[in-house]
Amino acid sequence: MPRPPGLSARLKLTVSYAGFLLVAGVVLMAVVWAYLLRFVPDNDKGLLGVSPNRYLLVRIFFPAAAVAMVSLLLFGLVGGWILAGRMLAPLTRIADAARLAAEGSLSHRLRMEGPQDEFRALADAFDTMLEQLESHVAEQRRFAANASHELRTPLAISRTLLDVARNDPERDQGELLDRLHTANTRAIDLTEALLLLSHGDRGAFDREPVDLSLLAEEAAETLLPLAEQRGIALDVTGCTTFTAGSAALLLRMVANLVQNAIVHNLPAGGSVVVHTETRHGASVLRVENTGLPMPSDLVPTLTEPFQRGAERVRADEHAGVGLGLAIVHSVVRAHQGILKLAPRPTGGLVVTVRLPGTGAPSRQG
């Protein structure tokens, strides 16, 4: 919204400094008059004599006082302008950096030197904001590029299959339909995952008390056939623990963790343990699975979108779209929680989610 032009902060400070200095001078002169001149005899016979009188002092004092007032005013204006400029210089640098950021340049940093004061604290906070914005924008650009690449693959496969069906009518239509169905399913799953990830990042949901132990049992019951198919023992332990949030998003979080633990549990015949508890006032969900040893430097990348890791890729219908743990991370972050991933010494992964508790009593299950 356009604003009407007004005085600059530097000019306002200059006028304020000069005004305060002038007022101080006037007060000083008034004090001199009130406490000095009133005790001088009021007669004019001393003009040629030795003793001064009020008439003589007034004629000498007031012209000198007027010159002093004008000098104080000029000194206040000039000195105030210089001092205000030096004091407001950090704000000018911050304003210039803000304009550069508005134009799209987020790499600029103030890095203001000098002792810590209000302006330095503001500059440091501004640098931190720019750093976070730059990181967020880079992450969004990388995510958009990866999403475009991932979506292009199933769409390209679908177009190729349709071209094959049109150019070769005698080919087995059932096989083409199955492959087309698989490609479309993958595109739909990826799109839904992207929407869910965006929804979780915005944090736009109603919060209500949610029992993580019930969500763990529901996710385990849903995925039990998949675990049995792969010969994996799935167990749910712990006690009830409540947090505040979206039941749908938290259920998707738990389901993603359990499904990842099952799908990436190699070789077959391993186990997955889902444990819930209340610890130090926080609601804790832990999903632990056996599997192949995982390099420690690979673990931090697992929550990045489309980062599956060579040891975790599966070439079957449950390979996923590379957003499972990214969605988990997004949901945990939207609920002001903490996500921790750690490799098991004997192979596999331990995922721990800490969410703010609601203070509801827990009972052993």
Protein backbone atom coordinates (compact mmCIF):
# COMPACT_ATOMS: atom_id res chain seq x y z
CA MET A 1 0.00 0.00 0.00
CA PRO A 2 1.51 3.39 -0.99
CA ARG A 3 2.33 5.70 1.90
CA PRO A 4 2.45 9.52 1.89
CA PRO A 5 5.96 11.01 2.07
CA GLY A 6 7.19 11.94 5.51
CA LEU A 7 10.25 13.05 7.40
CA SER A 8 13.15 10.64 7.56
CA ALA A 9 14.16 9.06 10.84
CA ARG A 10 17.52 10.84 10.61
CA LEU A 11 15.86 14.25 10.29
CA LYS A 12 13.47 13.48 13.14
CA LEU A 13 16.36 12.48 15.39
CA THR A 14 18.32 15.58 14.37
CA VAL A 15 15.43 17.90 15.23
CA SER A 16 14.91 16.01 18.49
CA TYR A 17 18.58 16.38 19.48
CA ALA A 18 18.61 20.09 18.61
CA GLY A 19 15.31 20.67 20.37
CA PHE A 20 16.44 18.97 23.56
CA LEU A 21 19.71 20.92 23.50
CA LEU A 22 17.85 24.20 22.97
CA VAL A 23 15.42 23.45 25.79
CA ALA A 24 18.34 22.61 28.07
CA GLY A 25 19.95 25.97 27.21
CA VAL A 26 16.74 27.86 27.90
CA VAL A 27 16.36 26.12 31.25
CA LEU A 28 19.94 26.97 32.12
CA MET A 29 19.41 30.63 31.27
CA ALA A 30 16.20 30.68 33.29
CA VAL A 31 18.02 29.24 36.26
CA VAL A 32 20.72 31.91 35.96
CA TRP A 33 18.07 34.62 35.81
CA ALA A 34 16.00 33.23 38.67
CA TYR A 35 18.83 32.57 41.07
CA LEU A 36 21.38 35.25 40.14
CA LEU A 37 19.91 38.37 38.58
CA ARG A 38 17.05 38.71 41.02
CA PHE A 39 19.53 39.27 43.87
CA VAL A 40 21.24 42.17 42.04
CA PRO A 41 19.99 45.63 43.10
CA ASP A 42 17.53 47.17 40.64
CA ASN A 43 18.87 50.74 40.17
CA ASP A 44 20.76 52.52 37.45
CA LYS A 45 23.04 54.60 39.63
CA GLY A 46 25.75 52.06 39.36
CA LEU A 47 26.23 52.49 35.65
CA LEU A 48 29.25 54.68 36.25
CA GLY A 49 30.08 53.24 39.61
CA VAL A 50 31.87 50.15 40.80
CA SER A 51 28.94 47.96 41.86
CA PRO A 52 26.96 46.22 39.03
CA ASN A 53 23.19 46.43 38.95
CA ARG A 54 20.36 44.49 37.29
CA TYR A 55 20.02 46.90 34.40
CA LEU A 56 23.66 46.54 33.47
CA LEU A 57 23.68 42.78 33.77
CA VAL A 58 20.47 42.41 31.73
CA ARG A 59 21.87 44.49 28.87
CA ILE A 60 25.02 42.40 28.86
CA PHE A 61 23.46 39.00 29.64
CA PHE A 62 20.55 38.78 27.19
CA PRO A 63 22.49 39.49 23.96
CA ALA A 64 25.11 36.98 25.01
CA ALA A 65 22.36 34.49 25.91
CA ALA A 66 20.71 34.95 22.49
CA VAL A 67 24.01 34.27 20.74
CA ALA A 68 24.50 31.19 22.93
CA MET A 69 20.99 29.91 22.08
CA VAL A 70 21.59 30.27 18.35
CA SER A 71 24.95 28.56 18.69
CA LEU A 72 23.38 25.72 20.67
CA LEU A 73 20.69 25.32 18.00
CA LEU A 74 23.20 25.19 15.15
CA PHE A 75 25.46 22.87 17.09
CA GLY A 76 22.52 20.62 17.92
CA LEU A 77 21.40 20.46 14.28
CA VAL A 78 24.84 19.72 12.87
CA GLY A 79 25.90 17.38 15.65
CA GLY A 80 22.52 15.68 15.72
CA TRP A 81 22.63 15.10 11.95
CA ILE A 82 26.07 13.50 12.19
CA LEU A 83 25.24 11.41 15.27
CA ALA A 84 21.90 10.27 13.83
CA GLY A 85 23.61 9.24 10.62
CA ARG A 86 26.15 7.14 12.47
CA MET A 87 23.53 5.58 14.71
CA LEU A 88 21.20 4.76 11.81
CA ALA A 89 23.92 3.41 9.51
CA PRO A 90 23.21 -0.22 10.57
CA LEU A 91 19.53 0.25 9.72
CA THR A 92 20.52 1.53 6.29
CA ARG A 93 22.60 -1.60 5.69
CA ILE A 94 19.71 -3.79 6.85
CA ALA A 95 17.29 -1.94 4.56
CA ASP A 96 19.65 -2.42 1.60
CA ALA A 97 19.95 -6.12 2.38
CA ALA A 98 16.16 -6.38 2.63
CA ARG A 99 15.79 -4.79 -0.81
CA LEU A 100 18.31 -7.25 -2.25
CA ALA A 101 16.38 -10.13 -0.66
CA ALA A 102 13.12 -8.79 -2.12
CA GLU A 103 14.77 -8.85 -5.55
CA GLY A 104 15.65 -12.52 -5.08
CA SER A 105 19.23 -12.30 -3.83
CA LEU A 106 19.35 -14.32 -0.59
CA SER A 107 23.10 -14.91 -0.50
CA HIS A 108 23.92 -11.45 0.88
CA ARG A 109 24.90 -11.30 4.56
CA LEU A 110 25.38 -8.25 6.78
CA ARG A 111 27.98 -9.76 9.14
CA MET A 112 27.97 -6.53 11.13
CA GLU A 113 31.03 -5.98 13.27
CA GLY A 114 31.35 -4.21 16.59
CA PRO A 115 30.09 -4.79 20.13
CA GLN A 116 26.73 -6.39 20.74
CA ASP A 117 23.84 -3.94 20.89
CA GLU A 118 20.28 -3.67 19.58
CA PHE A 119 21.37 -2.99 16.00
CA ARG A 120 23.88 -5.87 15.99
CA ALA A 121 21.24 -8.19 17.43
CA LEU A 122 18.84 -7.12 14.67
CA ALA A 123 21.53 -7.64 12.01
CA ASP A 124 22.38 -11.10 13.36
CA ALA A 125 18.70 -12.06 13.39
CA PHE A 126 18.37 -10.77 9.82
CA ASP A 127 21.38 -12.84 8.71
CA THR A 128 19.86 -15.92 10.34
CA MET A 129 16.56 -15.28 8.57
CA LEU A 130 18.30 -14.89 5.21
CA GLU A 131 20.22 -18.10 5.77
CA GLN A 132 17.06 -20.02 6.58
CA LEU A 133 15.22 -18.51 3.62
CA GLU A 134 18.06 -19.37 1.26
CA SER A 135 18.16 -22.92 2.57
CA HIS A 136 14.38 -23.25 2.31
CA VAL A 137 14.26 -21.88 -1.24
CA ALA A 138 17.11 -24.17 -2.32
CA GLU A 139 15.33 -27.11 -0.75
CA GLN A 140 12.07 -26.22 -2.50
CA ARG A 141 13.81 -25.87 -5.85
CA ARG A 142 15.57 -29.18 -5.40
CA PHE A 143 12.32 -30.79 -4.32
CA ALA A 144 10.44 -29.38 -7.33
CA ALA A 145 13.15 -30.62 -9.69
CA ASN A 146 13.12 -34.08 -8.13
CA ALA A 147 9.33 -34.20 -8.15
CA SER A 148 9.24 -33.24 -11.82
CA HIS A 149 11.81 -35.92 -12.60
CA GLU A 150 9.94 -38.58 -10.62
CA LEU A 151 6.58 -37.70 -12.17
CA ARG A 152 8.06 -37.65 -15.66
CA THR A 153 9.04 -41.33 -15.42
CA PRO A 154 5.56 -42.90 -14.91
CA LEU A 155 4.00 -40.46 -17.34
CA ALA A 156 6.60 -41.30 -19.99
CA ILE A 157 6.01 -45.02 -19.38
CA SER A 158 2.25 -44.51 -19.76
CA ARG A 159 2.72 -42.67 -23.06
CA THR A 160 5.07 -45.35 -24.35
CA LEU A 161 2.60 -48.10 -23.46
CA LEU A 162 -0.23 -46.23 -25.15
CA ASP A 163 1.92 -45.78 -28.28
CA VAL A 164 2.71 -49.50 -28.26
CA ALA A 165 -0.99 -50.39 -27.92
CA ARG A 166 -1.88 -48.07 -30.80
CA ASN A 167 0.92 -49.22 -33.14
CA ASP A 168 0.72 -52.93 -32.30
CA PRO A 169 -2.97 -53.92 -31.92
CA GLU A 170 -2.06 -57.63 -31.88
CA ARG A 171 0.10 -57.35 -28.75
CA ASP A 172 -1.19 -58.81 -25.50
CA GLN A 173 -3.52 -56.10 -24.23
CA GLY A 174 -3.70 -57.61 -20.75
CA GLU A 175 0.04 -57.16 -20.20
CA LEU A 176 -0.09 -53.59 -21.48
CA LEU A 177 -3.03 -52.78 -19.23
CA ASP A 178 -1.25 -54.23 -16.20
CA ARG A 179 1.88 -52.21 -16.87
CA LEU A 180 -0.18 -49.10 -17.57
CA HIS A 181 -2.07 -49.64 -14.32
CA THR A 182 1.20 -49.96 -12.42
CA ALA A 183 2.60 -46.76 -13.95
CA ASN A 184 -0.58 -44.82 -13.25
CA THR A 185 -0.72 -46.13 -9.70
CA ARG A 186 2.81 -44.94 -9.11
CA ALA A 187 1.97 -41.48 -10.49
CA ILE A 188 -1.12 -41.26 -8.29
CA ASP A 189 0.80 -42.40 -5.22
CA LEU A 190 3.51 -39.85 -5.90
CA THR A 191 0.98 -37.06 -6.38
CA GLU A 192 -0.84 -37.94 -3.17
CA ALA A 193 2.45 -38.11 -1.31
CA LEU A 194 3.45 -34.68 -2.61
CA LEU A 195 0.10 -33.22 -1.53
CA LEU A 196 0.40 -34.80 1.89
CA LEU A 197 3.94 -33.53 2.26
CA SER A 198 2.84 -30.01 1.36
CA HIS A 199 -0.11 -30.25 3.75
CA GLY A 200 2.15 -31.34 6.58
CA ASP A 201 4.68 -28.56 5.89
CA ARG A 202 1.97 -25.91 6.14
CA GLY A 203 0.73 -27.22 9.48
CA ALA A 204 -2.85 -26.32 8.45
CA PHE A 205 -4.82 -28.83 10.50
CA ASP A 206 -6.95 -28.99 13.62
CA ARG A 207 -5.35 -30.42 16.72
CA GLU A 208 -7.00 -32.97 18.96
CA PRO A 209 -5.80 -35.52 21.53
CA VAL A 210 -4.42 -38.58 19.72
CA ASP A 211 -3.29 -41.87 21.26
CA LEU A 212 -0.15 -43.01 19.44
CA SER A 213 -0.54 -46.58 20.75
CA LEU A 214 -3.90 -46.92 18.98
CA LEU A 215 -2.39 -45.58 15.77
CA ALA A 216 0.48 -48.07 16.10
CA GLU A 217 -1.98 -50.95 16.52
CA GLU A 218 -4.07 -49.78 13.56
CA ALA A 219 -1.05 -49.43 11.28
CA ALA A 220 0.30 -52.82 12.36
CA GLU A 221 -3.07 -54.49 11.75
CA THR A 222 -3.29 -52.94 8.28
CA LEU A 223 0.25 -53.96 7.32
CA LEU A 224 0.24 -57.37 8.96
CA PRO A 225 -0.55 -59.20 5.67
CA LEU A 226 2.47 -57.54 4.04
CA ALA A 227 4.66 -58.58 6.97
CA GLU A 228 3.39 -62.16 6.87
CA GLN A 229 3.95 -62.28 3.12
CA ARG A 230 7.60 -61.39 3.67
CA GLY A 231 8.00 -63.64 6.68
CA ILE A 232 8.59 -60.74 9.08
CA ALA A 233 7.45 -60.78 12.70
CA LEU A 234 5.52 -57.59 13.52
CA ASP A 235 5.03 -56.73 17.19
CA VAL A 236 3.47 -53.73 18.97
CA THR A 237 4.50 -53.02 22.57
CA GLY A 238 4.40 -50.22 25.12
CA CYS A 239 1.62 -48.16 26.64
CA THR A 240 -0.87 -45.48 25.70
CA THR A 241 0.59 -42.06 25.14
CA PHE A 242 -1.28 -38.97 24.00
CA THR A 243 -0.22 -36.05 21.86
CA ALA A 244 -2.11 -33.21 20.23
CA GLY A 245 -2.37 -33.12 16.47
CA SER A 246 -4.04 -34.48 13.37
CA ALA A 247 -5.03 -38.12 13.72
CA ALA A 248 -4.95 -38.61 9.93
CA LEU A 249 -1.45 -37.18 9.51
CA LEU A 250 -0.10 -39.03 12.54
CA LEU A 251 -1.61 -42.30 11.29
CA ARG A 252 0.09 -41.77 7.93
CA MET A 253 3.34 -41.09 9.78
CA VAL A 254 3.11 -44.33 11.76
CA ALA A 255 2.02 -46.32 8.71
CA ASN A 256 4.94 -45.00 6.66
CA LEU A 257 7.39 -45.95 9.39
CA VAL A 258 5.99 -49.46 9.77
CA GLN A 259 5.79 -50.01 6.01
CA ASN A 260 9.38 -48.84 5.52
CA ALA A 261 10.51 -51.11 8.33
CA ILE A 262 8.80 -54.07 6.63
CA VAL A 263 9.76 -53.32 3.03
CA HIS A 264 13.42 -52.62 3.76
CA ASN A 265 13.82 -55.52 6.17
CA LEU A 266 16.35 -57.71 4.39
CA PRO A 267 16.83 -60.60 4.26
CA ALA A 268 13.40 -62.11 4.82
CA GLY A 269 12.58 -63.53 8.23
CA GLY A 270 13.44 -60.46 10.29
CA SER A 271 11.37 -58.54 12.79
CA VAL A 272 9.77 -55.16 13.32
CA VAL A 273 8.95 -53.79 16.78
CA VAL A 274 6.69 -50.77 17.26
CA HIS A 275 6.91 -49.32 20.77
CA THR A 276 5.04 -46.40 22.36
CA GLU A 277 5.64 -44.76 25.72
CA THR A 278 5.57 -41.50 27.65
CA ARG A 279 9.03 -40.28 28.53
CA HIS A 280 9.77 -37.04 30.42
CA GLY A 281 6.38 -35.64 29.48
CA ALA A 282 6.80 -36.40 25.77
CA SER A 283 5.00 -38.99 23.66
CA VAL A 284 7.52 -41.36 22.14
CA LEU A 285 7.07 -43.72 19.19
CA ARG A 286 9.92 -46.07 18.30
CA VAL A 287 10.00 -48.32 15.24
CA GLU A 288 12.89 -50.77 15.12
CA ASN A 289 13.59 -53.23 12.34
CA THR A 290 16.27 -55.75 11.51
CA GLY A 291 18.00 -55.72 8.17
CA LEU A 292 21.27 -55.13 6.41
CA PRO A 293 23.93 -52.92 8.05
CA MET A 294 23.47 -49.28 7.11
CA PRO A 295 26.36 -46.80 6.76
CA SER A 296 26.08 -44.00 9.31
CA ASP A 297 26.63 -41.33 6.64
CA LEU A 298 23.59 -42.59 4.72
CA VAL A 299 21.15 -42.23 7.64
CA PRO A 300 20.87 -38.39 7.61
CA THR A 301 19.90 -38.43 3.91
CA LEU A 302 16.96 -40.79 4.35
CA THR A 303 14.55 -38.00 5.28
CA GLU A 304 15.38 -36.05 2.12
CA PRO A 305 12.72 -36.31 -0.60
CA PHE A 306 13.45 -39.00 -3.20
CA GLN A 307 16.57 -40.18 -1.32
CA ARG A 308 16.14 -43.92 -0.91
CA GLY A 309 19.68 -45.15 -0.42
CA ALA A 310 21.19 -48.01 -2.40
CA GLU A 311 20.72 -50.54 0.39
CA ARG A 312 17.04 -49.65 0.77
CA VAL A 313 15.79 -49.72 -2.81
CA ARG A 314 13.35 -52.47 -3.68
CA ALA A 315 12.45 -53.27 -7.26
CA ASP A 316 8.88 -54.42 -6.55
CA GLU A 317 5.43 -53.01 -6.02
CA HIS A 318 6.35 -51.69 -2.59
CA ALA A 319 9.42 -49.77 -3.66
CA GLY A 320 7.62 -46.52 -2.85
CA VAL A 321 8.21 -43.10 -4.31
CA GLY A 322 11.05 -42.01 -2.08
CA LEU A 323 8.85 -39.81 0.09
CA GLY A 324 8.06 -42.14 3.01
CA LEU A 325 10.50 -40.75 5.55
CA ALA A 326 10.24 -37.26 4.03
CA ILE A 327 6.53 -37.31 4.85
CA VAL A 328 7.32 -38.62 8.34
CA HIS A 329 9.79 -35.78 8.84
CA SER A 330 7.26 -33.24 7.59
CA VAL A 331 4.50 -34.52 9.89
CA VAL A 332 6.81 -34.61 12.91
CA ARG A 333 8.00 -31.08 12.20
CA ALA A 334 4.42 -29.82 11.80
CA HIS A 335 3.63 -31.27 15.24
CA GLN A 336 6.69 -29.58 16.85
CA GLY A 337 8.32 -32.97 17.38
CA ILE A 338 11.76 -34.48 16.96
CA LEU A 339 12.69 -37.28 14.54
CA LYS A 340 15.80 -39.34 15.17
CA LEU A 341 17.20 -42.10 12.96
CA ALA A 342 19.99 -44.40 14.08
CA PRO A 343 21.43 -47.57 12.52
CA ARG A 344 21.29 -50.73 14.60
CA PRO A 345 24.71 -52.24 15.37
CA THR A 346 23.60 -55.61 13.99
CA GLY A 347 21.84 -54.15 10.95
CA GLY A 348 18.59 -52.35 10.36
CA LEU A 349 17.30 -49.04 11.59
CA VAL A 350 15.79 -47.48 14.71
CA VAL A 351 13.45 -44.54 14.18
CA THR A 352 12.38 -42.55 17.24
CA VAL A 353 9.67 -39.88 17.17
CA ARG A 354 9.24 -37.53 20.15
CA LEU A 355 6.07 -35.44 20.19
CA PRO A 356 4.79 -33.00 22.82
CA GLY A 357 2.63 -34.88 25.32
CA THR A 358 -0.80 -33.75 26.48
CA GLY A 359 -0.34 -34.83 30.07
CA ALA A 360 -2.97 -37.58 29.77
CA PRO A 361 -2.33 -40.56 32.05
CA SER A 362 -0.82 -43.61 30.44
CA ARG A 363 -1.67 -47.20 31.18
CA GLN A 364 0.53 -50.19 30.52
CA GLY A 365 -0.47 -52.27 27.51
